[in-house]
């Protein structure tokens, strides 16, 4: 996978909602001076969606608009992209794809505390049980850049941030 001459790497952090993506990305951005791109916030702020899904109580993301919005930043490098999906981003954008995973009982508690109920709660728990996002990442990106990290506790998040910071500091363009 070519890095397109980037001086700094691009990282995708994905996982089921509630696995600690935004916390991990914020801490990693602070530790590495990489730019944190929270796709969910970007979609809301710039109306990069096609309306509202009543059943799952979320915006219907327009993947083309999202990619168009961040393409120049991605080509420049130095980004951490935070989103619960990963299969629509161009493979060439990323040097590392991190899939955060959380124990189902912990995830259930986290999502319930956010007000997730009914189909939205069950769909996300089932995605985690069946490792949907890990499989999606493996199908969408080169196997050697995909890494699954456990994200159950504050200690897990701290260890993940430390390991990813070390990876960023040792990264060299190809």
C-alpha atoms as a PDB file:
ATOM      1  CA  UNK A   1       0.000   0.000   0.000  1.00  0.00           C
ATOM      2  CA  UNK A   2       1.437   3.310  -1.044  1.00  0.00           C
ATOM      3  CA  UNK A   3       1.453   6.178   1.405  1.00  0.00           C
ATOM      4  CA  UNK A   4       1.343   8.776  -1.363  1.00  0.00           C
ATOM      5  CA  UNK A   5       4.432  10.551  -0.030  1.00  0.00           C
ATOM      6  CA  UNK A   6       2.880  11.453   3.305  1.00  0.00           C
ATOM      7  CA  UNK A   7       5.254  12.596   6.028  1.00  0.00           C
ATOM      8  CA  UNK A   8       2.903  11.420   8.796  1.00  0.00           C
ATOM      9  CA  UNK A   9       0.709   8.305   8.940  1.00  0.00           C
ATOM     10  CA  UNK A  10      -3.057   8.048   8.741  1.00  0.00           C
ATOM     11  CA  UNK A  11      -4.824   5.770  11.220  1.00  0.00           C
ATOM     12  CA  UNK A  12      -8.410   4.550  11.149  1.00  0.00           C
ATOM     13  CA  UNK A  13      -9.905   3.679  14.528  1.00  0.00           C
ATOM     14  CA  UNK A  14     -13.131   1.744  14.157  1.00  0.00           C
ATOM     15  CA  UNK A  15     -15.351  -0.457  16.291  1.00  0.00           C
ATOM     16  CA  UNK A  16     -18.887  -0.806  17.518  1.00  0.00           C
ATOM     17  CA  UNK A  17     -20.304   2.317  19.203  1.00  0.00           C
ATOM     18  CA  UNK A  18     -19.257   2.297  22.862  1.00  0.00           C
ATOM     19  CA  UNK A  19     -15.874   0.619  22.404  1.00  0.00           C
ATOM     20  CA  UNK A  20     -13.911   3.772  23.220  1.00  0.00           C
ATOM     21  CA  UNK A  21     -13.059   5.098  19.760  1.00  0.00           C
ATOM     22  CA  UNK A  22     -13.423   8.792  20.515  1.00  0.00           C
ATOM     23  CA  UNK A  23     -11.628   8.553  23.858  1.00  0.00           C
ATOM     24  CA  UNK A  24      -8.783   6.584  22.271  1.00  0.00           C
ATOM     25  CA  UNK A  25      -8.545   8.951  19.290  1.00  0.00           C
ATOM     26  CA  UNK A  26      -8.566  12.077  21.460  1.00  0.00           C
ATOM     27  CA  UNK A  27      -5.798  10.748  23.695  1.00  0.00           C
ATOM     28  CA  UNK A  28      -3.794   9.501  20.707  1.00  0.00           C
ATOM     29  CA  UNK A  29      -4.120  12.847  18.912  1.00  0.00           C
ATOM     30  CA  UNK A  30      -2.897  14.616  22.036  1.00  0.00           C
ATOM     31  CA  UNK A  31       0.075  12.246  22.382  1.00  0.00           C
ATOM     32  CA  UNK A  32       1.126  12.346  18.705  1.00  0.00           C
ATOM     33  CA  UNK A  33      -0.047  15.716  17.383  1.00  0.00           C
ATOM     34  CA  UNK A  34      -2.040  13.925  14.682  1.00  0.00           C
ATOM     35  CA  UNK A  35      -5.383  15.466  13.644  1.00  0.00           C
ATOM     36  CA  UNK A  36      -8.479  13.724  15.088  1.00  0.00           C
ATOM     37  CA  UNK A  37     -11.296  13.502  12.531  1.00  0.00           C
ATOM     38  CA  UNK A  38     -14.499  12.392  14.240  1.00  0.00           C
ATOM     39  CA  UNK A  39     -16.671  11.380  11.275  1.00  0.00           C
ATOM     40  CA  UNK A  40     -19.924  11.396  13.251  1.00  0.00           C
ATOM     41  CA  UNK A  41     -19.353  14.987  14.372  1.00  0.00           C
ATOM     42  CA  UNK A  42     -18.284  15.985  10.855  1.00  0.00           C
ATOM     43  CA  UNK A  43     -21.454  14.485   9.358  1.00  0.00           C
ATOM     44  CA  UNK A  44     -23.628  16.472  11.779  1.00  0.00           C
ATOM     45  CA  UNK A  45     -21.656  19.726  11.475  1.00  0.00           C
ATOM     46  CA  UNK A  46     -21.490  19.764   7.662  1.00  0.00           C
ATOM     47  CA  UNK A  47     -24.776  17.952   6.857  1.00  0.00           C
ATOM     48  CA  UNK A  48     -22.974  15.084   5.131  1.00  0.00           C
ATOM     49  CA  UNK A  49     -26.016  12.833   5.384  1.00  0.00           C
ATOM     50  CA  UNK A  50     -29.141  11.810   3.516  1.00  0.00           C
ATOM     51  CA  UNK A  51     -31.612  12.225   6.357  1.00  0.00           C
ATOM     52  CA  UNK A  52     -32.531  10.481   9.586  1.00  0.00           C
ATOM     53  CA  UNK A  53     -33.033   6.752  10.249  1.00  0.00           C
ATOM     54  CA  UNK A  54     -36.010   6.540  12.619  1.00  0.00           C
ATOM     55  CA  UNK A  55     -35.435   2.896  13.589  1.00  0.00           C
ATOM     56  CA  UNK A  56     -31.779   3.332  14.588  1.00  0.00           C
ATOM     57  CA  UNK A  57     -32.109   6.989  15.597  1.00  0.00           C
ATOM     58  CA  UNK A  58     -29.115   8.235  13.624  1.00  0.00           C
ATOM     59  CA  UNK A  59     -28.210  10.110  10.466  1.00  0.00           C
ATOM     60  CA  UNK A  60     -27.925   8.163   7.218  1.00  0.00           C
ATOM     61  CA  UNK A  61     -24.344   9.013   6.295  1.00  0.00           C
ATOM     62  CA  UNK A  62     -23.564   9.996   2.722  1.00  0.00           C
ATOM     63  CA  UNK A  63     -20.270   8.147   2.286  1.00  0.00           C
ATOM     64  CA  UNK A  64     -19.330   9.999  -0.914  1.00  0.00           C
ATOM     65  CA  UNK A  65     -19.774  13.402   0.740  1.00  0.00           C
ATOM     66  CA  UNK A  66     -17.685  12.291   3.738  1.00  0.00           C
ATOM     67  CA  UNK A  67     -14.857  11.057   1.519  1.00  0.00           C
ATOM     68  CA  UNK A  68     -14.951  14.236  -0.566  1.00  0.00           C
ATOM     69  CA  UNK A  69     -14.842  16.352   2.600  1.00  0.00           C
ATOM     70  CA  UNK A  70     -11.725  14.735   4.077  1.00  0.00           C
ATOM     71  CA  UNK A  71      -9.845  13.644   0.952  1.00  0.00           C
ATOM     72  CA  UNK A  72      -7.318  16.517   0.900  1.00  0.00           C
ATOM     73  CA  UNK A  73      -6.522  16.063   4.593  1.00  0.00           C
ATOM     74  CA  UNK A  74      -6.036  12.342   4.083  1.00  0.00           C
ATOM     75  CA  UNK A  75      -3.661  12.881   1.173  1.00  0.00           C
ATOM     76  CA  UNK A  76      -1.588  15.215   3.386  1.00  0.00           C
ATOM     77  CA  UNK A  77      -1.357  12.587   6.161  1.00  0.00           C
ATOM     78  CA  UNK A  78      -1.222  12.983   9.914  1.00  0.00           C
ATOM     79  CA  UNK A  79      -4.832  11.979  10.632  1.00  0.00           C
ATOM     80  CA  UNK A  80      -6.707   9.724  13.015  1.00  0.00           C
ATOM     81  CA  UNK A  81     -10.142   8.929  11.602  1.00  0.00           C
ATOM     82  CA  UNK A  82     -12.756   7.920  14.185  1.00  0.00           C
ATOM     83  CA  UNK A  83     -15.835   6.085  12.862  1.00  0.00           C
ATOM     84  CA  UNK A  84     -17.810   2.914  13.461  1.00  0.00           C
ATOM     85  CA  UNK A  85     -17.698   1.874   9.820  1.00  0.00           C
ATOM     86  CA  UNK A  86     -14.685   1.352   7.624  1.00  0.00           C
ATOM     87  CA  UNK A  87     -15.480  -0.278   4.301  1.00  0.00           C
ATOM     88  CA  UNK A  88     -16.202   2.892   2.306  1.00  0.00           C
ATOM     89  CA  UNK A  89     -12.894   4.696   2.862  1.00  0.00           C
ATOM     90  CA  UNK A  90     -10.247   4.242   0.139  1.00  0.00           C
ATOM     91  CA  UNK A  91      -7.679   1.636   1.171  1.00  0.00           C
ATOM     92  CA  UNK A  92      -4.810   3.922   0.131  1.00  0.00           C
ATOM     93  CA  UNK A  93      -5.683   6.406   2.878  1.00  0.00           C
ATOM     94  CA  UNK A  94      -4.583   4.301   5.856  1.00  0.00           C
ATOM     95  CA  UNK A  95      -1.324   2.979   7.221  1.00  0.00           C
ATOM     96  CA  UNK A  96      -2.961   1.333  10.243  1.00  0.00           C
ATOM     97  CA  UNK A  97      -6.543   0.210  10.881  1.00  0.00           C
ATOM     98  CA  UNK A  98      -7.424  -0.329  14.545  1.00  0.00           C
ATOM     99  CA  UNK A  99     -10.572  -2.230  15.500  1.00  0.00           C
ATOM    100  CA  UNK A 100     -11.494  -1.661  19.140  1.00  0.00           C
ATOM    101  CA  UNK A 101     -13.367  -4.505  20.821  1.00  0.00           C
ATOM    102  CA  UNK A 102     -15.219  -4.583  24.125  1.00  0.00           C
ATOM    103  CA  UNK A 103     -16.684  -7.393  26.213  1.00  0.00           C
ATOM    104  CA  UNK A 104     -20.420  -7.642  25.468  1.00  0.00           C
ATOM    105  CA  UNK A 105     -21.605  -7.082  29.050  1.00  0.00           C
ATOM    106  CA  UNK A 106     -19.435  -3.954  29.365  1.00  0.00           C
ATOM    107  CA  UNK A 107     -20.595  -2.741  25.952  1.00  0.00           C
ATOM    108  CA  UNK A 108     -24.232  -3.312  26.882  1.00  0.00           C
ATOM    109  CA  UNK A 109     -23.810  -1.170  30.009  1.00  0.00           C
ATOM    110  CA  UNK A 110     -22.021   1.600  28.082  1.00  0.00           C
ATOM    111  CA  UNK A 111     -24.656   1.729  25.345  1.00  0.00           C
ATOM    112  CA  UNK A 112     -27.551   1.565  27.798  1.00  0.00           C
ATOM    113  CA  UNK A 113     -26.079   4.500  29.721  1.00  0.00           C
ATOM    114  CA  UNK A 114     -26.082   6.446  26.413  1.00  0.00           C
ATOM    115  CA  UNK A 115     -29.791   5.765  26.018  1.00  0.00           C
ATOM    116  CA  UNK A 116     -29.515   3.027  23.393  1.00  0.00           C
ATOM    117  CA  UNK A 117     -32.601   0.787  23.472  1.00  0.00           C
ATOM    118  CA  UNK A 118     -34.477  -1.718  21.346  1.00  0.00           C
ATOM    119  CA  UNK A 119     -33.175  -2.424  17.843  1.00  0.00           C
ATOM    120  CA  UNK A 120     -30.330   0.099  18.110  1.00  0.00           C
ATOM    121  CA  UNK A 121     -28.972  -1.556  21.263  1.00  0.00           C
ATOM    122  CA  UNK A 122     -29.434  -5.122  20.030  1.00  0.00           C
ATOM    123  CA  UNK A 123     -27.942  -4.409  16.583  1.00  0.00           C
ATOM    124  CA  UNK A 124     -24.781  -2.962  18.115  1.00  0.00           C
ATOM    125  CA  UNK A 125     -24.387  -5.816  20.619  1.00  0.00           C
ATOM    126  CA  UNK A 126     -24.858  -8.360  17.812  1.00  0.00           C
ATOM    127  CA  UNK A 127     -22.254  -6.538  15.685  1.00  0.00           C
ATOM    128  CA  UNK A 128     -19.774  -6.923  18.527  1.00  0.00           C
ATOM    129  CA  UNK A 129     -20.671 -10.572  19.216  1.00  0.00           C
ATOM    130  CA  UNK A 130     -20.181 -11.499  15.556  1.00  0.00           C
ATOM    131  CA  UNK A 131     -17.104  -9.263  15.146  1.00  0.00           C
ATOM    132  CA  UNK A 132     -18.709  -7.565  12.165  1.00  0.00           C
ATOM    133  CA  UNK A 133     -16.339  -4.589  12.159  1.00  0.00           C
ATOM    134  CA  UNK A 134     -13.221  -6.732  12.480  1.00  0.00           C
ATOM    135  CA  UNK A 135     -14.361  -8.821   9.514  1.00  0.00           C
ATOM    136  CA  UNK A 136     -15.234  -5.656   7.571  1.00  0.00           C
ATOM    137  CA  UNK A 137     -11.751  -4.230   8.249  1.00  0.00           C
ATOM    138  CA  UNK A 138     -10.039  -7.461   7.221  1.00  0.00           C
ATOM    139  CA  UNK A 139     -12.071  -7.574   4.008  1.00  0.00           C
ATOM    140  CA  UNK A 140     -11.378  -3.908   3.181  1.00  0.00           C
ATOM    141  CA  UNK A 141      -7.685  -3.444   4.051  1.00  0.00           C
ATOM    142  CA  UNK A 142      -4.421  -5.339   3.818  1.00  0.00           C
ATOM    143  CA  UNK A 143      -4.273  -7.871   6.643  1.00  0.00           C
ATOM    144  CA  UNK A 144      -0.907  -6.621   7.884  1.00  0.00           C
ATOM    145  CA  UNK A 145      -2.288  -3.167   8.747  1.00  0.00           C
ATOM    146  CA  UNK A 146      -5.411  -4.354  10.628  1.00  0.00           C
ATOM    147  CA  UNK A 147      -5.072  -4.782  14.386  1.00  0.00           C
ATOM    148  CA  UNK A 148      -7.758  -5.665  16.948  1.00  0.00           C
ATOM    149  CA  UNK A 149      -7.315  -4.150  20.408  1.00  0.00           C
ATOM    150  CA  UNK A 150      -9.284  -4.882  23.557  1.00  0.00           C
ATOM    151  CA  UNK A 151     -10.929  -1.793  25.045  1.00  0.00           C
ATOM    152  CA  UNK A 152     -12.739  -2.818  28.239  1.00  0.00           C
ATOM    153  CA  UNK A 153     -11.027  -0.659  30.853  1.00  0.00           C
ATOM    154  CA  UNK A 154      -9.197   2.625  31.337  1.00  0.00           C
ATOM    155  CA  UNK A 155      -6.013   0.542  31.559  1.00  0.00           C
ATOM    156  CA  UNK A 156      -6.767  -1.041  28.170  1.00  0.00           C
ATOM    157  CA  UNK A 157      -7.260   2.387  26.609  1.00  0.00           C
ATOM    158  CA  UNK A 158      -4.046   3.720  28.166  1.00  0.00           C
ATOM    159  CA  UNK A 159      -2.079   0.695  26.917  1.00  0.00           C
ATOM    160  CA  UNK A 160      -3.611   1.007  23.439  1.00  0.00           C
ATOM    161  CA  UNK A 161      -2.747   4.711  23.249  1.00  0.00           C
ATOM    162  CA  UNK A 162       0.819   4.033  24.424  1.00  0.00           C
ATOM    163  CA  UNK A 163       1.303   1.238  21.863  1.00  0.00           C
ATOM    164  CA  UNK A 164      -0.187   3.286  19.034  1.00  0.00           C
ATOM    165  CA  UNK A 165       1.915   6.314  20.010  1.00  0.00           C
ATOM    166  CA  UNK A 166       5.008   4.136  19.796  1.00  0.00           C
ATOM    167  CA  UNK A 167       3.870   2.885  16.378  1.00  0.00           C
ATOM    168  CA  UNK A 168       3.364   6.490  15.149  1.00  0.00           C
ATOM    169  CA  UNK A 169       6.781   7.537  16.469  1.00  0.00           C
ATOM    170  CA  UNK A 170       8.435   4.609  14.662  1.00  0.00           C
ATOM    171  CA  UNK A 171       6.454   4.948  11.425  1.00  0.00           C
ATOM    172  CA  UNK A 172       8.429   5.644   8.299  1.00  0.00           C
ATOM    173  CA  UNK A 173       6.970   6.407   4.868  1.00  0.00           C
ATOM    174  CA  UNK A 174       7.166   3.562   2.380  1.00  0.00           C
END
